[in-house]
Structures are given as C-alpha cells and as structure tokens.
Amino acid sequence: MFKQKNRSMDLIVALSACCLFSPVILLVGLILFARYGNPVFYREKRSGLHGKPFTLYKFKTLHREVCSVSSSQDMANRINKNDTPQTCCGRLCGLLRKYSIDELPQLWNILIGDMAVVGPRPMPFEELQHRFGHDAAKILSVRPGLTGLWQVSGRNDLSPEDRRRLELLYVQNQSAALDIRILLKTVEAVLSGRGAY
C-alpha cells in the first residue's frame, strides 16, 4: 500500500485557486447558461481513492452522445485510437478545453476530498480496468488528481501506453517535491494548450 499524501497542500492550493479563479468560473458559467441553457456542468461517476465512486464536475463542453461509451468495445476502440471527443459549442468550448478552463469546477472535488491537486487522472471504473488491468489497484491507492504527470508530459498527444506508464510512475514515486514540480509544469502546459482537445 502506498503512503497517502498530506491533504494540507491540496486544501491550500484549491482554496487559493478558488479565490483567484472564482470570477472566471462565474463568468464562464453565465456565458454557457446564456448561450446553451442548463445544464452548465457535466457530471460523471469516477473511481476515487480505494475505488470509492464520486461525482466529477466539469463545465459541459462535449456532445451528449460522446460523454459516455455504449459498450466495452467502443471504449477499447477509443482508448486504442487515443480518440478525444469533439466539442459541442464550437470555438468557445474548444478554448475552454484547450486551456483546461472546463476543469475548474473540479476544485470543488478537491475541497470535499474526492480528489487531490496532483494525482492520476480520475476515470470511470470500466475504463480504469481496461487501461490498467491488474495495476488498477495501484492507481486507486491514491486520490485522483486535477493535474498529473501525464498531463504535463503531453496530455492527449501521448499514446495510451505512455499515459499508463506515467500514471504508474507517479503512484510509485509520489512526493511533495514531485507534486510541486508537476504544479509548476502545469502552468506551462495549460498556457501552451498543447495536447488538449
């Protein structure tokens, strides 16, 4: 069993980010509501610490029909092709996804303890099992994160194999120092928009 990180840094970072980005969150929510109506948020069950399911929040920027997979074969095809869903709202939602603004509502997930600031990307249980197989328990031994090693190493430009390797590498080597390095690299990755679709 891997050692759990202290929650203090997560709370400090999440609270600071909420103060900094609350005007952005409010503005984006109002724009999405005015243009597309409810729901403003996309919600999906993901696997959390020790496999406990939780509801992940994002701004809704995807076609409804691609927000979930209809079968295990569809999921396997998407993972193997490294497919990314198409945005539903044209340029606006494309920008929200490119600069990860659509993920700001996950600060709430961090504050209530479902997620950490840095960790493996939260996934639905079926996708987690498909990607990691017998290593899924290792991924579930730590809280999923808003950002992580694979996000700062290329995001969706990485192959499924590289993403799997980086997620496991993080779990095996997690530390406060590594989290700080990933956070600093996250700023660069978000501003560049590389690998986000």
C-alpha atoms as a PDB file:
ATOM      1  CA  MET A   1       0.000   0.000   0.000  1.00  0.00           C
ATOM      2  CA  PHE A   2       1.347   3.397  -0.985  1.00  0.00           C
ATOM      3  CA  LYS A   3       1.585   6.157   1.605  1.00  0.00           C
ATOM      4  CA  GLN A   4      -1.163   8.774   1.424  1.00  0.00           C
ATOM      5  CA  LYS A   5      -0.130  12.383   0.982  1.00  0.00           C
ATOM      6  CA  ASN A   6      -0.993  15.083   3.470  1.00  0.00           C
ATOM      7  CA  ARG A   7      -4.144  16.975   2.481  1.00  0.00           C
ATOM      8  CA  SER A   8      -2.851  20.347   3.671  1.00  0.00           C
ATOM      9  CA  MET A   9      -1.229  21.315   0.382  1.00  0.00           C
ATOM     10  CA  ASP A  10      -4.328  20.261  -1.567  1.00  0.00           C
ATOM     11  CA  LEU A  11      -6.558  22.481   0.560  1.00  0.00           C
ATOM     12  CA  ILE A  12      -4.210  25.458   0.413  1.00  0.00           C
ATOM     13  CA  VAL A  13      -3.809  25.233  -3.369  1.00  0.00           C
ATOM     14  CA  ALA A  14      -7.520  24.603  -4.002  1.00  0.00           C
ATOM     15  CA  LEU A  15      -8.664  27.458  -1.759  1.00  0.00           C
ATOM     16  CA  SER A  16      -6.145  29.826  -3.331  1.00  0.00           C
ATOM     17  CA  ALA A  17      -7.231  28.776  -6.825  1.00  0.00           C
ATOM     18  CA  CYS A  18     -10.899  29.256  -5.907  1.00  0.00           C
ATOM     19  CA  CYS A  19     -10.186  32.815  -4.780  1.00  0.00           C
ATOM     20  CA  LEU A  20      -8.146  33.524  -7.905  1.00  0.00           C
ATOM     21  CA  PHE A  21     -10.448  31.914 -10.465  1.00  0.00           C
ATOM     22  CA  SER A  22     -13.902  32.466  -8.948  1.00  0.00           C
ATOM     23  CA  PRO A  23     -14.635  35.381 -11.345  1.00  0.00           C
ATOM     24  CA  VAL A  24     -13.656  33.167 -14.293  1.00  0.00           C
ATOM     25  CA  ILE A  25     -15.814  30.289 -13.049  1.00  0.00           C
ATOM     26  CA  LEU A  26     -18.792  32.604 -12.591  1.00  0.00           C
ATOM     27  CA  LEU A  27     -18.324  34.276 -15.972  1.00  0.00           C
ATOM     28  CA  VAL A  28     -17.955  31.000 -17.879  1.00  0.00           C
ATOM     29  CA  GLY A  29     -20.993  29.551 -16.120  1.00  0.00           C
ATOM     30  CA  LEU A  30     -23.096  32.572 -17.038  1.00  0.00           C
ATOM     31  CA  ILE A  31     -21.951  32.524 -20.674  1.00  0.00           C
ATOM     32  CA  LEU A  32     -22.683  28.807 -21.057  1.00  0.00           C
ATOM     33  CA  PHE A  33     -26.094  29.216 -19.428  1.00  0.00           C
ATOM     34  CA  ALA A  34     -26.977  32.215 -21.605  1.00  0.00           C
ATOM     35  CA  ARG A  35     -25.932  30.509 -24.819  1.00  0.00           C
ATOM     36  CA  TYR A  36     -26.839  26.879 -24.238  1.00  0.00           C
ATOM     37  CA  GLY A  37     -29.046  26.721 -21.158  1.00  0.00           C
ATOM     38  CA  ASN A  38     -28.903  24.071 -18.461  1.00  0.00           C
ATOM     39  CA  PRO A  39     -27.060  22.012 -17.511  1.00  0.00           C
ATOM     40  CA  VAL A  40     -23.917  24.136 -17.289  1.00  0.00           C
ATOM     41  CA  PHE A  41     -21.960  21.344 -15.612  1.00  0.00           C
ATOM     42  CA  TYR A  42     -21.094  17.902 -16.908  1.00  0.00           C
ATOM     43  CA  ARG A  43     -21.232  15.269 -14.159  1.00  0.00           C
ATOM     44  CA  GLU A  44     -19.934  11.728 -14.302  1.00  0.00           C
ATOM     45  CA  LYS A  45     -19.170   8.983 -11.807  1.00  0.00           C
ATOM     46  CA  ARG A  46     -15.445   8.304 -11.494  1.00  0.00           C
ATOM     47  CA  SER A  47     -13.375   5.922  -9.379  1.00  0.00           C
ATOM     48  CA  GLY A  48     -11.758   7.610  -6.395  1.00  0.00           C
ATOM     49  CA  LEU A  49      -9.488   6.600  -3.545  1.00  0.00           C
ATOM     50  CA  HIS A  50      -9.729   2.837  -2.874  1.00  0.00           C
ATOM     51  CA  GLY A  51     -12.316   2.576  -5.645  1.00  0.00           C
ATOM     52  CA  LYS A  52     -14.931   4.722  -3.918  1.00  0.00           C
ATOM     53  CA  PRO A  53     -17.096   6.307  -6.629  1.00  0.00           C
ATOM     54  CA  PHE A  54     -17.588  10.059  -6.698  1.00  0.00           C
ATOM     55  CA  THR A  55     -19.195  12.614  -8.988  1.00  0.00           C
ATOM     56  CA  LEU A  56     -16.679  14.598 -11.041  1.00  0.00           C
ATOM     57  CA  TYR A  57     -17.663  18.088 -12.192  1.00  0.00           C
ATOM     58  CA  LYS A  58     -16.633  19.941 -15.343  1.00  0.00           C
ATOM     59  CA  PHE A  59     -18.116  22.667 -17.472  1.00  0.00           C
ATOM     60  CA  LYS A  60     -20.171  20.946 -20.133  1.00  0.00           C
ATOM     61  CA  THR A  61     -18.279  21.214 -23.419  1.00  0.00           C
ATOM     62  CA  LEU A  62     -18.927  17.840 -25.073  1.00  0.00           C
ATOM     63  CA  HIS A  63     -21.587  16.309 -27.267  1.00  0.00           C
ATOM     64  CA  ARG A  64     -24.018  14.387 -25.080  1.00  0.00           C
ATOM     65  CA  GLU A  65     -23.586  11.255 -27.218  1.00  0.00           C
ATOM     66  CA  VAL A  66     -19.819  11.119 -26.659  1.00  0.00           C
ATOM     67  CA  CYS A  67     -19.845  11.798 -22.920  1.00  0.00           C
ATOM     68  CA  SER A  68     -20.220   8.071 -22.288  1.00  0.00           C
ATOM     69  CA  VAL A  69     -19.337   4.912 -24.145  1.00  0.00           C
ATOM     70  CA  SER A  70     -22.043   2.473 -25.109  1.00  0.00           C
ATOM     71  CA  SER A  71     -20.022  -0.734 -24.827  1.00  0.00           C
ATOM     72  CA  SER A  72     -16.709  -2.119 -23.700  1.00  0.00           C
ATOM     73  CA  GLN A  73     -15.714  -2.475 -27.359  1.00  0.00           C
ATOM     74  CA  ASP A  74     -16.454   1.213 -28.020  1.00  0.00           C
ATOM     75  CA  MET A  75     -14.305   2.118 -25.027  1.00  0.00           C
ATOM     76  CA  ALA A  76     -11.490  -0.163 -26.192  1.00  0.00           C
ATOM     77  CA  ASN A  77     -11.581   1.379 -29.666  1.00  0.00           C
ATOM     78  CA  ARG A  78     -11.456   4.921 -28.247  1.00  0.00           C
ATOM     79  CA  ILE A  79      -8.580   4.094 -25.888  1.00  0.00           C
ATOM     80  CA  ASN A  80      -6.573   2.231 -28.520  1.00  0.00           C
ATOM     81  CA  LYS A  81      -7.018   5.052 -31.032  1.00  0.00           C
ATOM     82  CA  ASN A  82      -6.450   7.654 -28.328  1.00  0.00           C
ATOM     83  CA  ASP A  83      -9.664   9.335 -29.504  1.00  0.00           C
ATOM     84  CA  THR A  84     -10.805  12.579 -27.936  1.00  0.00           C
ATOM     85  CA  PRO A  85     -14.488  13.640 -28.137  1.00  0.00           C
ATOM     86  CA  GLN A  86     -15.429  16.610 -30.260  1.00  0.00           C
ATOM     87  CA  THR A  87     -16.596  19.803 -28.591  1.00  0.00           C
ATOM     88  CA  CYS A  88     -20.240  20.760 -28.888  1.00  0.00           C
ATOM     89  CA  CYS A  89     -20.099  24.541 -28.805  1.00  0.00           C
ATOM     90  CA  GLY A  90     -17.578  25.404 -31.479  1.00  0.00           C
ATOM     91  CA  ARG A  91     -14.833  27.891 -30.729  1.00  0.00           C
ATOM     92  CA  LEU A  92     -15.958  28.776 -27.198  1.00  0.00           C
ATOM     93  CA  CYS A  93     -15.884  25.241 -25.826  1.00  0.00           C
ATOM     94  CA  GLY A  94     -12.771  24.483 -27.831  1.00  0.00           C
ATOM     95  CA  LEU A  95     -10.989  27.287 -25.979  1.00  0.00           C
ATOM     96  CA  LEU A  96     -12.355  26.119 -22.628  1.00  0.00           C
ATOM     97  CA  ARG A  97     -10.917  22.658 -23.228  1.00  0.00           C
ATOM     98  CA  LYS A  98      -7.647  23.841 -24.766  1.00  0.00           C
ATOM     99  CA  TYR A  99      -6.754  25.907 -21.718  1.00  0.00           C
ATOM    100  CA  SER A 100      -8.352  23.482 -19.213  1.00  0.00           C
ATOM    101  CA  ILE A 101     -10.866  26.080 -18.028  1.00  0.00           C
ATOM    102  CA  ASP A 102     -13.564  23.422 -18.301  1.00  0.00           C
ATOM    103  CA  GLU A 103     -11.886  21.580 -15.414  1.00  0.00           C
ATOM    104  CA  LEU A 104     -12.001  24.431 -12.888  1.00  0.00           C
ATOM    105  CA  PRO A 105     -15.185  23.051 -11.236  1.00  0.00           C
ATOM    106  CA  GLN A 106     -13.042  20.134 -10.046  1.00  0.00           C
ATOM    107  CA  LEU A 107     -11.648  22.487  -7.416  1.00  0.00           C
ATOM    108  CA  TRP A 108     -14.846  21.603  -5.557  1.00  0.00           C
ATOM    109  CA  ASN A 109     -13.935  17.905  -5.823  1.00  0.00           C
ATOM    110  CA  ILE A 110     -10.587  18.734  -4.213  1.00  0.00           C
ATOM    111  CA  LEU A 111     -12.115  20.766  -1.394  1.00  0.00           C
ATOM    112  CA  ILE A 112     -14.507  17.984  -0.377  1.00  0.00           C
ATOM    113  CA  GLY A 113     -11.783  15.348  -0.529  1.00  0.00           C
ATOM    114  CA  ASP A 114     -12.735  13.388  -3.639  1.00  0.00           C
ATOM    115  CA  MET A 115      -9.605  14.484  -5.496  1.00  0.00           C
ATOM    116  CA  ALA A 116      -6.125  15.843  -4.924  1.00  0.00           C
ATOM    117  CA  VAL A 117      -4.444  18.656  -6.812  1.00  0.00           C
ATOM    118  CA  VAL A 118      -1.889  16.207  -8.251  1.00  0.00           C
ATOM    119  CA  GLY A 119      -2.571  12.542  -8.905  1.00  0.00           C
ATOM    120  CA  PRO A 120      -3.662  10.009 -11.522  1.00  0.00           C
ATOM    121  CA  ARG A 121      -6.464  11.198 -13.777  1.00  0.00           C
ATOM    122  CA  PRO A 122      -9.883  10.088 -12.442  1.00  0.00           C
ATOM    123  CA  MET A 123     -11.551   7.572 -14.727  1.00  0.00           C
ATOM    124  CA  PRO A 124     -14.780   5.591 -14.853  1.00  0.00           C
ATOM    125  CA  PHE A 125     -14.297   2.123 -13.364  1.00  0.00           C
ATOM    126  CA  GLU A 126     -14.599   0.285 -16.690  1.00  0.00           C
ATOM    127  CA  GLU A 127     -12.002   2.497 -18.382  1.00  0.00           C
ATOM    128  CA  LEU A 128      -9.660   2.160 -15.410  1.00  0.00           C
ATOM    129  CA  GLN A 129      -9.853  -1.619 -15.591  1.00  0.00           C
ATOM    130  CA  HIS A 130      -9.311  -1.606 -19.337  1.00  0.00           C
ATOM    131  CA  ARG A 131      -6.303   0.704 -19.208  1.00  0.00           C
ATOM    132  CA  PHE A 132      -4.542  -0.740 -16.153  1.00  0.00           C
ATOM    133  CA  GLY A 133      -5.796  -4.291 -15.637  1.00  0.00           C
ATOM    134  CA  HIS A 134      -4.150  -5.825 -12.568  1.00  0.00           C
ATOM    135  CA  ASP A 135      -2.409  -2.480 -11.877  1.00  0.00           C
ATOM    136  CA  ALA A 136      -5.737  -0.711 -11.312  1.00  0.00           C
ATOM    137  CA  ALA A 137      -5.404  -1.231  -7.545  1.00  0.00           C
ATOM    138  CA  LYS A 138      -2.174   0.790  -7.596  1.00  0.00           C
ATOM    139  CA  ILE A 139      -3.939   3.709  -9.277  1.00  0.00           C
ATOM    140  CA  LEU A 140      -6.775   3.509  -6.754  1.00  0.00           C
ATOM    141  CA  SER A 141      -4.316   3.590  -3.834  1.00  0.00           C
ATOM    142  CA  VAL A 142      -4.018   7.395  -4.180  1.00  0.00           C
ATOM    143  CA  ARG A 143      -6.554  10.162  -4.716  1.00  0.00           C
ATOM    144  CA  PRO A 144      -7.066  11.079  -8.369  1.00  0.00           C
ATOM    145  CA  GLY A 145      -5.753  14.498  -9.326  1.00  0.00           C
ATOM    146  CA  LEU A 146      -6.726  17.619 -11.212  1.00  0.00           C
ATOM    147  CA  THR A 147      -3.308  17.523 -12.843  1.00  0.00           C
ATOM    148  CA  GLY A 148      -0.654  14.862 -13.060  1.00  0.00           C
ATOM    149  CA  LEU A 149       2.498  13.574 -14.662  1.00  0.00           C
ATOM    150  CA  TRP A 150       0.896  12.583 -17.947  1.00  0.00           C
ATOM    151  CA  GLN A 151      -0.875  15.951 -18.309  1.00  0.00           C
ATOM    152  CA  VAL A 152       2.422  17.858 -18.113  1.00  0.00           C
ATOM    153  CA  SER A 153       4.153  15.374 -20.414  1.00  0.00           C
ATOM    154  CA  GLY A 154       1.984  15.798 -23.499  1.00  0.00           C
ATOM    155  CA  ARG A 155      -1.619  15.196 -22.450  1.00  0.00           C
ATOM    156  CA  ASN A 156      -3.695  13.764 -25.302  1.00  0.00           C
ATOM    157  CA  ASP A 157      -0.704  13.718 -27.663  1.00  0.00           C
ATOM    158  CA  LEU A 158       0.657  10.753 -25.685  1.00  0.00           C
ATOM    159  CA  SER A 159      -0.067   7.169 -26.622  1.00  0.00           C
ATOM    160  CA  PRO A 160      -2.205   5.061 -24.245  1.00  0.00           C
ATOM    161  CA  GLU A 161       0.942   3.093 -23.350  1.00  0.00           C
ATOM    162  CA  ASP A 162       2.868   6.247 -22.412  1.00  0.00           C
ATOM    163  CA  ARG A 163      -0.051   7.544 -20.360  1.00  0.00           C
ATOM    164  CA  ARG A 164      -0.267   4.231 -18.484  1.00  0.00           C
ATOM    165  CA  ARG A 165       3.467   4.253 -17.799  1.00  0.00           C
ATOM    166  CA  LEU A 166       3.446   7.833 -16.494  1.00  0.00           C
ATOM    167  CA  GLU A 167       0.415   7.303 -14.252  1.00  0.00           C
ATOM    168  CA  LEU A 168       2.066   4.268 -12.619  1.00  0.00           C
ATOM    169  CA  LEU A 169       5.389   6.100 -12.368  1.00  0.00           C
ATOM    170  CA  TYR A 170       3.685   8.873 -10.413  1.00  0.00           C
ATOM    171  CA  VAL A 171       1.992   6.461  -7.999  1.00  0.00           C
ATOM    172  CA  GLN A 172       5.271   4.694  -7.313  1.00  0.00           C
ATOM    173  CA  ASN A 173       7.267   7.899  -6.794  1.00  0.00           C
ATOM    174  CA  GLN A 174       4.770  10.348  -5.297  1.00  0.00           C
ATOM    175  CA  SER A 175       6.188  13.003  -3.022  1.00  0.00           C
ATOM    176  CA  ALA A 176       5.613  16.638  -2.131  1.00  0.00           C
ATOM    177  CA  ALA A 177       8.645  17.627  -4.208  1.00  0.00           C
ATOM    178  CA  LEU A 178       7.296  15.797  -7.262  1.00  0.00           C
ATOM    179  CA  ASP A 179       3.884  17.408  -6.786  1.00  0.00           C
ATOM    180  CA  ILE A 180       5.445  20.863  -6.716  1.00  0.00           C
ATOM    181  CA  ARG A 181       7.393  20.159  -9.921  1.00  0.00           C
ATOM    182  CA  ILE A 182       4.229  18.932 -11.613  1.00  0.00           C
ATOM    183  CA  LEU A 183       2.293  22.014 -10.461  1.00  0.00           C
ATOM    184  CA  LEU A 184       4.937  24.324 -11.911  1.00  0.00           C
ATOM    185  CA  LYS A 185       4.922  22.408 -15.198  1.00  0.00           C
ATOM    186  CA  THR A 186       1.103  22.508 -15.218  1.00  0.00           C
ATOM    187  CA  VAL A 187       1.160  26.284 -15.580  1.00  0.00           C
ATOM    188  CA  GLU A 188       3.301  25.992 -18.700  1.00  0.00           C
ATOM    189  CA  ALA A 189       1.220  23.114 -20.106  1.00  0.00           C
ATOM    190  CA  VAL A 190      -2.064  24.974 -19.602  1.00  0.00           C
ATOM    191  CA  LEU A 191      -0.822  28.254 -21.081  1.00  0.00           C
ATOM    192  CA  SER A 192       0.592  26.481 -24.121  1.00  0.00           C
ATOM    193  CA  GLY A 193      -2.596  24.486 -24.706  1.00  0.00           C
ATOM    194  CA  ARG A 194      -0.557  21.674 -26.251  1.00  0.00           C
ATOM    195  CA  GLY A 195      -2.186  18.258 -26.242  1.00  0.00           C
ATOM    196  CA  ALA A 196      -5.607  19.495 -25.105  1.00  0.00           C
ATOM    197  CA  TYR A 197      -8.552  18.905 -27.424  1.00  0.00           C
END
